[in-house]
Amino acid sequence: MSSFATTLRYILKEQNLKQNDLAKLTGINKSSISEYLSGNYQPKYKNILKIAQALHISPDTFLEKNRTLKHIPLLGKIAAGIPILAKENIEGYMPCDDYTNADFCLRISGDSMIGARIYDGDIVYIKKQPVVENGEIAAVLIDDSATLKRVYKFENTLQLRAENPKYAPLNFTIDNCNNIRILGKAIALYAKL
């Protein structure tokens, strides 16, 4: 698959768009978009410009010579008391384009976020920050395990909600919040096919 196709698939997934959406936004026919996504055909520069404008990104993102690729840590189980990016926590490294400002990744285990289309084995890119807005998806450290949940703050309660009705919300108050902290906000997803 071409680097253009890989990049376009990643950005569409990140922006929660389908190829039909992209066709409507750009005026490029659906069959051409399908060919671009399959990697069978590289678009002409004028269509790269249309796609970049529709996705609100720089056209340089798609141009190999101008793209820079960094690698950020993929974290495994996180032990309490050990800094999150400590060597003991790092399973490996994931590629990250220069337009994604993630600091680390977590591999998802379980089905608690399937309602947000985040499945077991997917990798979520996280931007380190100690606070998130209500309803945002965040990586949260509880004791020695990292979890991914929607975060809601009420007057005296921090609530973590799964995106699967079979899981009840987790509520933390001043009495039981000593071993909990927000690691960062989920900003991108690498889904297995």
N, C-alpha and C. Protein backbone atom coordinates (compact mmCIF):
# COMPACT_ATOMS: atom_id res chain seq x y z
N MET A 1 0.86 -1.18 0.00
CA MET A 1 0.00 0.00 0.00
C MET A 1 0.90 1.23 0.00
N SER A 2 0.53 2.24 -0.75
CA SER A 2 1.33 3.46 -0.85
C SER A 2 1.29 4.24 0.46
N SER A 3 2.29 5.09 0.66
CA SER A 3 2.30 5.91 1.87
C SER A 3 1.13 6.89 1.85
N PHE A 4 0.71 7.34 0.64
CA PHE A 4 -0.45 8.22 0.55
C PHE A 4 -1.68 7.50 1.10
N ALA A 5 -1.90 6.26 0.65
CA ALA A 5 -3.07 5.49 1.09
C ALA A 5 -3.04 5.26 2.59
N THR A 6 -1.88 4.90 3.12
CA THR A 6 -1.75 4.67 4.56
C THR A 6 -2.06 5.93 5.35
N THR A 7 -1.51 7.05 4.91
CA THR A 7 -1.74 8.33 5.59
C THR A 7 -3.21 8.73 5.50
N LEU A 8 -3.81 8.59 4.32
CA LEU A 8 -5.21 8.96 4.16
C LEU A 8 -6.12 8.10 5.02
N ARG A 9 -5.87 6.79 5.06
CA ARG A 9 -6.68 5.90 5.92
C ARG A 9 -6.58 6.34 7.38
N TYR A 10 -5.37 6.63 7.82
CA TYR A 10 -5.14 7.03 9.20
C TYR A 10 -5.91 8.31 9.53
N ILE A 11 -5.83 9.30 8.65
CA ILE A 11 -6.48 10.59 8.92
C ILE A 11 -8.00 10.45 8.89
N LEU A 12 -8.53 9.67 7.94
CA LEU A 12 -9.98 9.46 7.90
C LEU A 12 -10.46 8.80 9.18
N LYS A 13 -9.72 7.81 9.65
CA LYS A 13 -10.08 7.12 10.91
C LYS A 13 -10.03 8.11 12.08
N GLU A 14 -8.97 8.91 12.12
CA GLU A 14 -8.79 9.88 13.19
C GLU A 14 -9.92 10.92 13.21
N GLN A 15 -10.39 11.31 12.01
CA GLN A 15 -11.44 12.32 11.93
C GLN A 15 -12.83 11.70 11.83
N ASN A 16 -12.91 10.38 11.97
CA ASN A 16 -14.18 9.67 11.97
C ASN A 16 -14.97 9.91 10.67
N LEU A 17 -14.27 9.82 9.54
CA LEU A 17 -14.88 10.03 8.23
C LEU A 17 -14.80 8.76 7.40
N LYS A 18 -15.78 8.56 6.54
CA LYS A 18 -15.80 7.44 5.60
C LYS A 18 -15.39 7.97 4.22
N GLN A 19 -15.11 7.06 3.30
CA GLN A 19 -14.70 7.50 1.97
C GLN A 19 -15.82 8.25 1.26
N ASN A 20 -17.08 7.90 1.53
CA ASN A 20 -18.21 8.65 0.94
C ASN A 20 -18.21 10.09 1.43
N ASP A 21 -17.89 10.29 2.72
CA ASP A 21 -17.82 11.64 3.28
C ASP A 21 -16.75 12.46 2.55
N LEU A 22 -15.60 11.81 2.33
CA LEU A 22 -14.50 12.50 1.67
C LEU A 22 -14.88 12.86 0.23
N ALA A 23 -15.58 11.97 -0.45
CA ALA A 23 -16.02 12.25 -1.82
C ALA A 23 -16.94 13.48 -1.84
N LYS A 24 -17.85 13.56 -0.89
CA LYS A 24 -18.77 14.71 -0.83
C LYS A 24 -18.03 16.00 -0.51
N LEU A 25 -17.07 15.93 0.42
CA LEU A 25 -16.33 17.12 0.83
C LEU A 25 -15.42 17.66 -0.27
N THR A 26 -14.89 16.76 -1.10
CA THR A 26 -13.90 17.17 -2.10
C THR A 26 -14.46 17.33 -3.51
N GLY A 27 -15.59 16.67 -3.79
CA GLY A 27 -16.11 16.65 -5.15
C GLY A 27 -15.39 15.63 -6.04
N ILE A 28 -14.52 14.84 -5.44
CA ILE A 28 -13.82 13.77 -6.17
C ILE A 28 -14.74 12.54 -6.14
N ASN A 29 -14.89 11.86 -7.28
CA ASN A 29 -15.84 10.74 -7.31
C ASN A 29 -15.42 9.59 -6.38
N LYS A 30 -16.41 8.83 -5.95
CA LYS A 30 -16.19 7.76 -4.97
C LYS A 30 -15.22 6.70 -5.46
N SER A 31 -15.27 6.38 -6.76
CA SER A 31 -14.38 5.33 -7.26
C SER A 31 -12.92 5.78 -7.21
N SER A 32 -12.66 7.06 -7.45
CA SER A 32 -11.27 7.57 -7.34
C SER A 32 -10.80 7.52 -5.90
N ILE A 33 -11.67 7.93 -4.97
CA ILE A 33 -11.31 7.86 -3.54
C ILE A 33 -10.99 6.42 -3.16
N SER A 34 -11.80 5.48 -3.64
CA SER A 34 -11.58 4.06 -3.36
C SER A 34 -10.21 3.61 -3.90
N GLU A 35 -9.87 4.05 -5.10
CA GLU A 35 -8.57 3.70 -5.69
C GLU A 35 -7.42 4.30 -4.87
N TYR A 36 -7.58 5.52 -4.40
CA TYR A 36 -6.54 6.15 -3.57
C TYR A 36 -6.35 5.35 -2.28
N LEU A 37 -7.46 4.96 -1.66
CA LEU A 37 -7.39 4.24 -0.38
C LEU A 37 -6.82 2.83 -0.53
N SER A 38 -7.02 2.24 -1.70
CA SER A 38 -6.49 0.89 -1.92
C SER A 38 -4.99 0.93 -2.22
N GLY A 39 -4.51 2.11 -2.58
CA GLY A 39 -3.09 2.24 -2.91
C GLY A 39 -2.80 1.91 -4.37
N ASN A 40 -3.86 1.61 -5.15
CA ASN A 40 -3.68 1.27 -6.56
C ASN A 40 -3.37 2.48 -7.43
N TYR A 41 -3.73 3.66 -6.94
CA TYR A 41 -3.61 4.86 -7.76
C TYR A 41 -3.21 6.04 -6.89
N GLN A 42 -2.22 6.78 -7.33
CA GLN A 42 -1.77 7.98 -6.62
C GLN A 42 -2.49 9.19 -7.21
N PRO A 43 -3.13 10.03 -6.39
CA PRO A 43 -3.85 11.18 -6.93
C PRO A 43 -2.92 12.23 -7.51
N LYS A 44 -3.46 12.99 -8.45
CA LYS A 44 -2.72 14.14 -8.97
C LYS A 44 -2.67 15.21 -7.89
N TYR A 45 -1.71 16.11 -8.04
CA TYR A 45 -1.50 17.12 -7.01
C TYR A 45 -2.75 17.95 -6.74
N LYS A 46 -3.54 18.28 -7.78
CA LYS A 46 -4.75 19.08 -7.56
C LYS A 46 -5.73 18.35 -6.64
N ASN A 47 -5.79 17.02 -6.74
CA ASN A 47 -6.69 16.27 -5.84
C ASN A 47 -6.10 16.13 -4.44
N ILE A 48 -4.77 16.08 -4.35
CA ILE A 48 -4.14 16.09 -3.02
C ILE A 48 -4.51 17.39 -2.31
N LEU A 49 -4.48 18.50 -3.04
CA LEU A 49 -4.85 19.79 -2.46
C LEU A 49 -6.31 19.79 -1.99
N LYS A 50 -7.21 19.25 -2.81
CA LYS A 50 -8.63 19.18 -2.42
C LYS A 50 -8.82 18.35 -1.16
N ILE A 51 -8.14 17.20 -1.11
CA ILE A 51 -8.27 16.30 0.05
C ILE A 51 -7.72 16.98 1.29
N ALA A 52 -6.54 17.58 1.18
CA ALA A 52 -5.93 18.25 2.33
C ALA A 52 -6.82 19.37 2.84
N GLN A 53 -7.40 20.15 1.93
CA GLN A 53 -8.28 21.25 2.33
C GLN A 53 -9.52 20.71 3.04
N ALA A 54 -10.11 19.65 2.52
CA ALA A 54 -11.30 19.06 3.12
C ALA A 54 -11.01 18.50 4.51
N LEU A 55 -9.80 18.00 4.71
CA LEU A 55 -9.43 17.39 6.00
C LEU A 55 -8.76 18.39 6.94
N HIS A 56 -8.61 19.64 6.50
CA HIS A 56 -8.00 20.72 7.30
C HIS A 56 -6.58 20.38 7.73
N ILE A 57 -5.80 19.87 6.77
CA ILE A 57 -4.40 19.55 7.04
C ILE A 57 -3.55 20.13 5.92
N SER A 58 -2.26 20.14 6.14
CA SER A 58 -1.33 20.61 5.12
C SER A 58 -1.18 19.55 4.03
N PRO A 59 -1.11 19.96 2.76
CA PRO A 59 -0.87 18.98 1.69
C PRO A 59 0.48 18.27 1.87
N ASP A 60 1.40 18.92 2.57
CA ASP A 60 2.71 18.31 2.81
C ASP A 60 2.59 17.00 3.59
N THR A 61 1.51 16.83 4.32
CA THR A 61 1.29 15.60 5.07
C THR A 61 1.34 14.39 4.14
N PHE A 62 0.87 14.56 2.91
CA PHE A 62 0.81 13.45 1.96
C PHE A 62 2.06 13.31 1.10
N LEU A 63 2.92 14.29 1.12
CA LEU A 63 4.09 14.28 0.26
C LEU A 63 5.28 13.70 1.00
N GLU A 64 5.72 12.55 0.58
CA GLU A 64 6.73 11.75 1.27
C GLU A 64 7.97 12.55 1.65
N LYS A 65 8.47 13.36 0.73
CA LYS A 65 9.72 14.07 1.01
C LYS A 65 9.57 15.09 2.13
N ASN A 66 8.35 15.57 2.37
CA ASN A 66 8.14 16.58 3.40
C ASN A 66 7.61 16.02 4.71
N ARG A 67 7.32 14.73 4.72
CA ARG A 67 6.77 14.13 5.94
C ARG A 67 7.90 13.71 6.86
N THR A 68 7.72 13.96 8.12
CA THR A 68 8.66 13.45 9.10
C THR A 68 7.92 12.45 9.96
N LEU A 69 8.61 11.43 10.33
CA LEU A 69 8.01 10.37 11.12
C LEU A 69 8.79 10.25 12.41
N LYS A 70 8.08 10.32 13.50
CA LYS A 70 8.73 10.10 14.79
C LYS A 70 8.19 8.79 15.36
N HIS A 71 8.83 8.30 16.36
CA HIS A 71 8.37 7.08 17.04
C HIS A 71 8.14 7.41 18.50
N ILE A 72 6.96 7.03 18.98
CA ILE A 72 6.63 7.31 20.37
C ILE A 72 6.43 5.99 21.11
N PRO A 73 6.65 5.99 22.43
CA PRO A 73 6.59 4.74 23.17
C PRO A 73 5.20 4.12 23.22
N LEU A 74 5.17 2.80 23.08
CA LEU A 74 3.96 2.00 23.29
C LEU A 74 4.11 1.40 24.68
N LEU A 75 3.22 1.81 25.58
CA LEU A 75 3.34 1.38 26.97
C LEU A 75 2.54 0.12 27.25
N GLY A 76 3.11 -0.70 28.08
CA GLY A 76 2.42 -1.89 28.55
C GLY A 76 1.81 -1.60 29.90
N LYS A 77 1.79 -2.58 30.79
CA LYS A 77 1.25 -2.38 32.13
C LYS A 77 2.09 -1.32 32.84
N ILE A 78 1.41 -0.42 33.51
CA ILE A 78 2.10 0.69 34.16
C ILE A 78 2.06 0.48 35.66
N ALA A 79 3.21 0.41 36.28
CA ALA A 79 3.28 0.19 37.72
C ALA A 79 3.19 1.52 38.46
N ALA A 80 2.45 1.51 39.56
CA ALA A 80 2.32 2.72 40.38
C ALA A 80 3.69 3.10 40.92
N GLY A 81 3.95 4.39 40.95
CA GLY A 81 5.22 4.87 41.50
C GLY A 81 6.33 4.96 40.47
N ILE A 82 6.17 4.27 39.34
CA ILE A 82 7.19 4.33 38.29
C ILE A 82 6.72 5.35 37.26
N PRO A 83 7.58 6.29 36.86
CA PRO A 83 7.16 7.26 35.84
C PRO A 83 6.61 6.55 34.60
N ILE A 84 5.56 7.13 33.99
CA ILE A 84 4.89 6.42 32.90
C ILE A 84 5.81 6.07 31.75
N LEU A 85 6.78 6.91 31.45
CA LEU A 85 7.65 6.61 30.33
C LEU A 85 8.94 5.91 30.77
N ALA A 86 8.92 5.29 31.94
CA ALA A 86 10.08 4.54 32.41
C ALA A 86 10.31 3.32 31.53
N LYS A 87 11.55 2.91 31.42
CA LYS A 87 11.94 1.80 30.56
C LYS A 87 11.11 0.54 30.83
N GLU A 88 10.77 0.29 32.07
CA GLU A 88 10.03 -0.91 32.45
C GLU A 88 8.63 -0.97 31.82
N ASN A 89 8.09 0.19 31.49
CA ASN A 89 6.73 0.25 30.95
C ASN A 89 6.67 0.18 29.42
N ILE A 90 7.80 0.37 28.74
CA ILE A 90 7.80 0.50 27.29
C ILE A 90 7.88 -0.88 26.62
N GLU A 91 6.83 -1.20 25.81
CA GLU A 91 6.79 -2.45 25.05
C GLU A 91 7.49 -2.32 23.71
N GLY A 92 7.48 -1.13 23.17
CA GLY A 92 8.04 -0.88 21.85
C GLY A 92 7.75 0.55 21.45
N TYR A 93 7.81 0.82 20.15
CA TYR A 93 7.57 2.18 19.65
C TYR A 93 6.63 2.13 18.45
N MET A 94 5.80 3.15 18.34
CA MET A 94 4.84 3.26 17.24
C MET A 94 5.17 4.50 16.40
N PRO A 95 5.01 4.38 15.07
CA PRO A 95 5.24 5.56 14.23
C PRO A 95 4.16 6.59 14.46
N CYS A 96 4.55 7.83 14.30
CA CYS A 96 3.63 8.94 14.53
C CYS A 96 4.02 10.06 13.59
N ASP A 97 3.10 10.48 12.71
CA ASP A 97 3.39 11.59 11.80
C ASP A 97 3.55 12.88 12.58
N ASP A 98 4.18 13.84 11.93
CA ASP A 98 4.46 15.10 12.60
C ASP A 98 3.21 15.92 12.90
N TYR A 99 2.06 15.58 12.31
CA TYR A 99 0.83 16.32 12.61
C TYR A 99 0.10 15.77 13.84
N THR A 100 0.57 14.66 14.39
CA THR A 100 -0.04 14.10 15.59
C THR A 100 0.85 14.44 16.78
N ASN A 101 0.31 15.14 17.76
CA ASN A 101 1.16 15.57 18.88
C ASN A 101 1.01 14.64 20.09
N ALA A 102 1.02 13.34 19.85
CA ALA A 102 0.92 12.36 20.93
C ALA A 102 2.27 12.20 21.62
N ASP A 103 2.20 11.81 22.89
CA ASP A 103 3.41 11.57 23.67
C ASP A 103 3.69 10.10 23.88
N PHE A 104 2.64 9.27 23.91
CA PHE A 104 2.80 7.83 24.06
C PHE A 104 1.55 7.13 23.58
N CYS A 105 1.62 5.81 23.49
CA CYS A 105 0.48 4.99 23.06
C CYS A 105 0.19 3.93 24.10
N LEU A 106 -1.06 3.48 24.12
CA LEU A 106 -1.48 2.36 24.96
C LEU A 106 -2.17 1.32 24.08
N ARG A 107 -1.89 0.05 24.32
CA ARG A 107 -2.59 -1.03 23.62
C ARG A 107 -3.85 -1.36 24.43
N ILE A 108 -4.99 -1.39 23.77
CA ILE A 108 -6.26 -1.62 24.44
C ILE A 108 -6.45 -3.11 24.71
N SER A 109 -6.91 -3.39 25.91
CA SER A 109 -7.22 -4.75 26.30
C SER A 109 -8.65 -4.76 26.82
N GLY A 110 -9.51 -5.53 26.18
CA GLY A 110 -10.89 -5.62 26.63
C GLY A 110 -11.86 -4.92 25.70
N ASP A 111 -13.13 -4.92 26.13
CA ASP A 111 -14.20 -4.41 25.27
C ASP A 111 -14.98 -3.24 25.89
N SER A 112 -14.39 -2.56 26.84
CA SER A 112 -15.14 -1.52 27.55
C SER A 112 -15.39 -0.27 26.71
N MET A 113 -14.68 -0.09 25.59
CA MET A 113 -14.83 1.13 24.79
C MET A 113 -15.36 0.86 23.39
N ILE A 114 -16.03 -0.26 23.19
CA ILE A 114 -16.50 -0.62 21.84
C ILE A 114 -17.52 0.36 21.30
N GLY A 115 -18.27 1.04 22.16
CA GLY A 115 -19.23 2.04 21.71
C GLY A 115 -18.55 3.24 21.07
N ALA A 116 -17.28 3.44 21.37
CA ALA A 116 -16.49 4.52 20.75
C ALA A 116 -15.64 3.95 19.61
N ARG A 117 -15.94 2.74 19.18
CA ARG A 117 -15.22 2.02 18.12
C ARG A 117 -13.75 1.83 18.46
N ILE A 118 -13.46 1.56 19.73
CA ILE A 118 -12.12 1.24 20.19
C ILE A 118 -12.18 -0.19 20.69
N TYR A 119 -11.45 -1.09 20.01
CA TYR A 119 -11.58 -2.52 20.25
C TYR A 119 -10.30 -3.12 20.85
N ASP A 120 -10.45 -4.31 21.38
CA ASP A 120 -9.35 -5.07 21.95
C ASP A 120 -8.21 -5.16 20.92
N GLY A 121 -7.01 -4.81 21.33
CA GLY A 121 -5.85 -4.87 20.45
C GLY A 121 -5.54 -3.56 19.72
N ASP A 122 -6.51 -2.63 19.68
CA ASP A 122 -6.25 -1.34 19.05
C ASP A 122 -5.21 -0.57 19.86
N ILE A 123 -4.57 0.38 19.22
CA ILE A 123 -3.58 1.22 19.89
C ILE A 123 -4.08 2.65 19.88
N VAL A 124 -4.10 3.26 21.06
CA VAL A 124 -4.61 4.63 21.21
C VAL A 124 -3.43 5.55 21.49
N TYR A 125 -3.38 6.65 20.74
CA TYR A 125 -2.33 7.65 20.92
C TYR A 125 -2.81 8.66 21.98
N ILE A 126 -1.93 8.95 22.94
CA ILE A 126 -2.28 9.78 24.09
C ILE A 126 -1.38 11.02 24.15
N LYS A 127 -2.01 12.17 24.35
CA LYS A 127 -1.27 13.41 24.63
C LYS A 127 -1.25 13.61 26.13
N LYS A 128 -0.06 13.66 26.71
CA LYS A 128 0.05 13.81 28.16
C LYS A 128 -0.56 15.12 28.62
N GLN A 129 -1.48 15.02 29.57
CA GLN A 129 -2.05 16.19 30.22
C GLN A 129 -2.80 15.70 31.45
N PRO A 130 -2.70 16.43 32.58
CA PRO A 130 -3.29 15.96 33.83
C PRO A 130 -4.79 16.23 33.95
N VAL A 131 -5.36 17.01 33.02
CA VAL A 131 -6.77 17.39 33.10
C VAL A 131 -7.37 17.24 31.70
N VAL A 132 -8.62 16.77 31.64
CA VAL A 132 -9.36 16.71 30.38
C VAL A 132 -10.73 17.32 30.60
N GLU A 133 -11.40 17.66 29.51
CA GLU A 133 -12.75 18.22 29.59
C GLU A 133 -13.76 17.10 29.84
N ASN A 134 -14.92 17.46 30.39
CA ASN A 134 -15.99 16.48 30.61
C ASN A 134 -16.34 15.79 29.31
N GLY A 135 -16.41 14.46 29.37
CA GLY A 135 -16.81 13.66 28.23
C GLY A 135 -15.68 13.25 27.31
N GLU A 136 -14.47 13.78 27.54
CA GLU A 136 -13.35 13.36 26.70
C GLU A 136 -12.84 11.99 27.13
N ILE A 137 -12.26 11.28 26.18
CA ILE A 137 -11.69 9.97 26.47
C ILE A 137 -10.26 10.18 26.91
N ALA A 138 -9.91 9.54 28.03
CA ALA A 138 -8.58 9.73 28.60
C ALA A 138 -8.01 8.41 29.10
N ALA A 139 -6.68 8.37 29.13
CA ALA A 139 -5.97 7.28 29.79
C ALA A 139 -5.87 7.67 31.26
N VAL A 140 -6.29 6.76 32.12
CA VAL A 140 -6.32 7.04 33.55
C VAL A 140 -5.58 5.92 34.27
N LEU A 141 -4.72 6.29 35.20
CA LEU A 141 -3.99 5.31 36.00
C LEU A 141 -4.75 5.08 37.29
N ILE A 142 -5.17 3.84 37.52
CA ILE A 142 -5.84 3.45 38.76
C ILE A 142 -4.96 2.39 39.41
N ASP A 143 -4.41 2.72 40.57
CA ASP A 143 -3.42 1.86 41.23
C ASP A 143 -2.29 1.60 40.24
N ASP A 144 -2.13 0.35 39.75
CA ASP A 144 -1.03 0.07 38.84
C ASP A 144 -1.50 -0.33 37.44
N SER A 145 -2.73 0.04 37.09
CA SER A 145 -3.25 -0.30 35.76
C SER A 145 -3.76 0.94 35.06
N ALA A 146 -3.42 1.04 33.78
CA ALA A 146 -3.95 2.13 32.97
C ALA A 146 -5.24 1.66 32.31
N THR A 147 -6.22 2.53 32.27
CA THR A 147 -7.49 2.23 31.62
C THR A 147 -7.87 3.40 30.73
N LEU A 148 -8.71 3.13 29.75
CA LEU A 148 -9.18 4.18 28.84
C LEU A 148 -10.68 4.32 29.06
N LYS A 149 -11.13 5.51 29.45
CA LYS A 149 -12.54 5.75 29.75
C LYS A 149 -12.90 7.20 29.42
N ARG A 150 -14.20 7.46 29.33
CA ARG A 150 -14.68 8.85 29.27
C ARG A 150 -14.65 9.40 30.69
N VAL A 151 -14.20 10.63 30.82
CA VAL A 151 -14.02 11.24 32.14
C VAL A 151 -15.08 12.33 32.34
N TYR A 152 -15.72 12.27 33.51
CA TYR A 152 -16.71 13.29 33.89
C TYR A 152 -16.38 13.76 35.29
N LYS A 153 -16.38 15.09 35.47
CA LYS A 153 -16.10 15.67 36.79
C LYS A 153 -17.38 16.31 37.31
N PHE A 154 -17.77 15.91 38.50
CA PHE A 154 -18.90 16.51 39.19
C PHE A 154 -18.36 17.21 40.42
N GLU A 155 -19.23 17.79 41.22
CA GLU A 155 -18.77 18.61 42.35
C GLU A 155 -17.72 17.91 43.21
N ASN A 156 -18.00 16.72 43.71
CA ASN A 156 -17.05 16.01 44.57
C ASN A 156 -16.71 14.62 44.05
N THR A 157 -16.96 14.40 42.77
CA THR A 157 -16.78 13.06 42.21
C THR A 157 -16.11 13.12 40.85
N LEU A 158 -15.22 12.18 40.62
CA LEU A 158 -14.65 11.94 39.31
C LEU A 158 -15.25 10.62 38.84
N GLN A 159 -15.90 10.64 37.67
CA GLN A 159 -16.55 9.43 37.17
C GLN A 159 -15.88 9.01 35.87
N LEU A 160 -15.58 7.72 35.77
CA LEU A 160 -15.03 7.14 34.57
C LEU A 160 -16.09 6.24 33.97
N ARG A 161 -16.46 6.52 32.71
CA ARG A 161 -17.52 5.75 32.05
C ARG A 161 -16.98 4.96 30.88
N ALA A 162 -17.38 3.71 30.83
CA ALA A 162 -17.06 2.86 29.68
C ALA A 162 -18.03 3.19 28.55
N GLU A 163 -17.69 2.77 27.36
CA GLU A 163 -18.58 2.90 26.20
C GLU A 163 -19.12 1.51 25.85
N ASN A 164 -19.58 0.82 26.89
CA ASN A 164 -20.18 -0.50 26.75
C ASN A 164 -21.15 -0.64 27.91
N PRO A 165 -22.44 -0.86 27.64
CA PRO A 165 -23.44 -0.86 28.71
C PRO A 165 -23.25 -1.97 29.75
N LYS A 166 -22.43 -2.95 29.46
CA LYS A 166 -22.26 -4.01 30.46
C LYS A 166 -21.30 -3.62 31.60
N TYR A 167 -20.68 -2.43 31.47
CA TYR A 167 -19.78 -1.95 32.52
C TYR A 167 -20.38 -0.75 33.22
N ALA A 168 -20.46 -0.81 34.53
CA ALA A 168 -20.98 0.30 35.33
C ALA A 168 -19.91 1.40 35.43
N PRO A 169 -20.33 2.66 35.59
CA PRO A 169 -19.36 3.73 35.78
C PRO A 169 -18.55 3.52 37.06
N LEU A 170 -17.32 3.99 37.05
CA LEU A 170 -16.47 3.96 38.24
C LEU A 170 -16.48 5.35 38.84
N ASN A 171 -16.82 5.44 40.12
CA ASN A 171 -16.89 6.74 40.79
C ASN A 171 -15.80 6.86 41.83
N PHE A 172 -15.13 8.01 41.83
CA PHE A 172 -14.06 8.27 42.78
C PHE A 172 -14.35 9.57 43.51
N THR A 173 -14.23 9.52 44.83
CA THR A 173 -14.43 10.70 45.66
C THR A 173 -13.16 10.93 46.46
N ILE A 174 -13.18 11.90 47.31
CA ILE A 174 -12.02 12.20 48.16
C ILE A 174 -11.62 10.98 49.00
N ASP A 175 -12.60 10.13 49.30
CA ASP A 175 -12.33 8.95 50.14
C ASP A 175 -11.60 7.84 49.40
N ASN A 176 -11.75 7.74 48.09
CA ASN A 176 -11.14 6.61 47.38
C ASN A 176 -10.36 7.02 46.13
N CYS A 177 -9.84 8.25 46.11
CA CYS A 177 -9.15 8.70 44.89
C CYS A 177 -7.65 8.86 45.06
N ASN A 178 -7.08 8.30 46.11
CA ASN A 178 -5.64 8.47 46.34
C ASN A 178 -4.79 7.87 45.24
N ASN A 179 -5.24 6.77 44.64
CA ASN A 179 -4.42 6.07 43.66
C ASN A 179 -4.97 6.20 42.24
N ILE A 180 -5.43 7.39 41.89
CA ILE A 180 -5.95 7.62 40.55
C ILE A 180 -5.40 8.93 40.01
N ARG A 181 -5.01 8.92 38.72
CA ARG A 181 -4.60 10.16 38.07
C ARG A 181 -4.79 10.04 36.57
N ILE A 182 -5.11 11.17 35.97
CA ILE A 182 -5.28 11.23 34.53
C ILE A 182 -3.90 11.33 33.89
N LEU A 183 -3.63 10.40 32.96
CA LEU A 183 -2.35 10.40 32.26
C LEU A 183 -2.38 11.30 31.04
N GLY A 184 -3.52 11.32 30.35
CA GLY A 184 -3.60 12.15 29.16
C GLY A 184 -4.84 11.88 28.34
N LYS A 185 -5.02 12.71 27.34
CA LYS A 185 -6.20 12.66 26.47
C LYS A 185 -5.94 11.78 25.24
N ALA A 186 -6.92 10.96 24.88
CA ALA A 186 -6.84 10.15 23.67
C ALA A 186 -7.03 11.08 22.47
N ILE A 187 -6.08 11.06 21.53
CA ILE A 187 -6.16 11.97 20.39
C ILE A 187 -6.17 11.26 19.04
N ALA A 188 -5.81 9.97 19.01
CA ALA A 188 -5.80 9.25 17.74
C ALA A 188 -5.88 7.76 18.04
N LEU A 189 -6.25 7.02 17.00
CA LEU A 189 -6.45 5.58 17.15
C LEU A 189 -5.80 4.86 15.98
N TYR A 190 -5.08 3.78 16.30
CA TYR A 190 -4.56 2.88 15.28
C TYR A 190 -5.31 1.58 15.48
N ALA A 191 -6.24 1.29 14.57
CA ALA A 191 -7.09 0.12 14.72
C ALA A 191 -6.55 -1.03 13.91
N LYS A 192 -6.64 -2.25 14.46
CA LYS A 192 -6.26 -3.42 13.69
C LYS A 192 -7.38 -3.73 12.70
N LEU A 193 -7.02 -4.27 11.57
CA LEU A 193 -8.02 -4.58 10.55
C LEU A 193 -8.47 -6.01 10.67
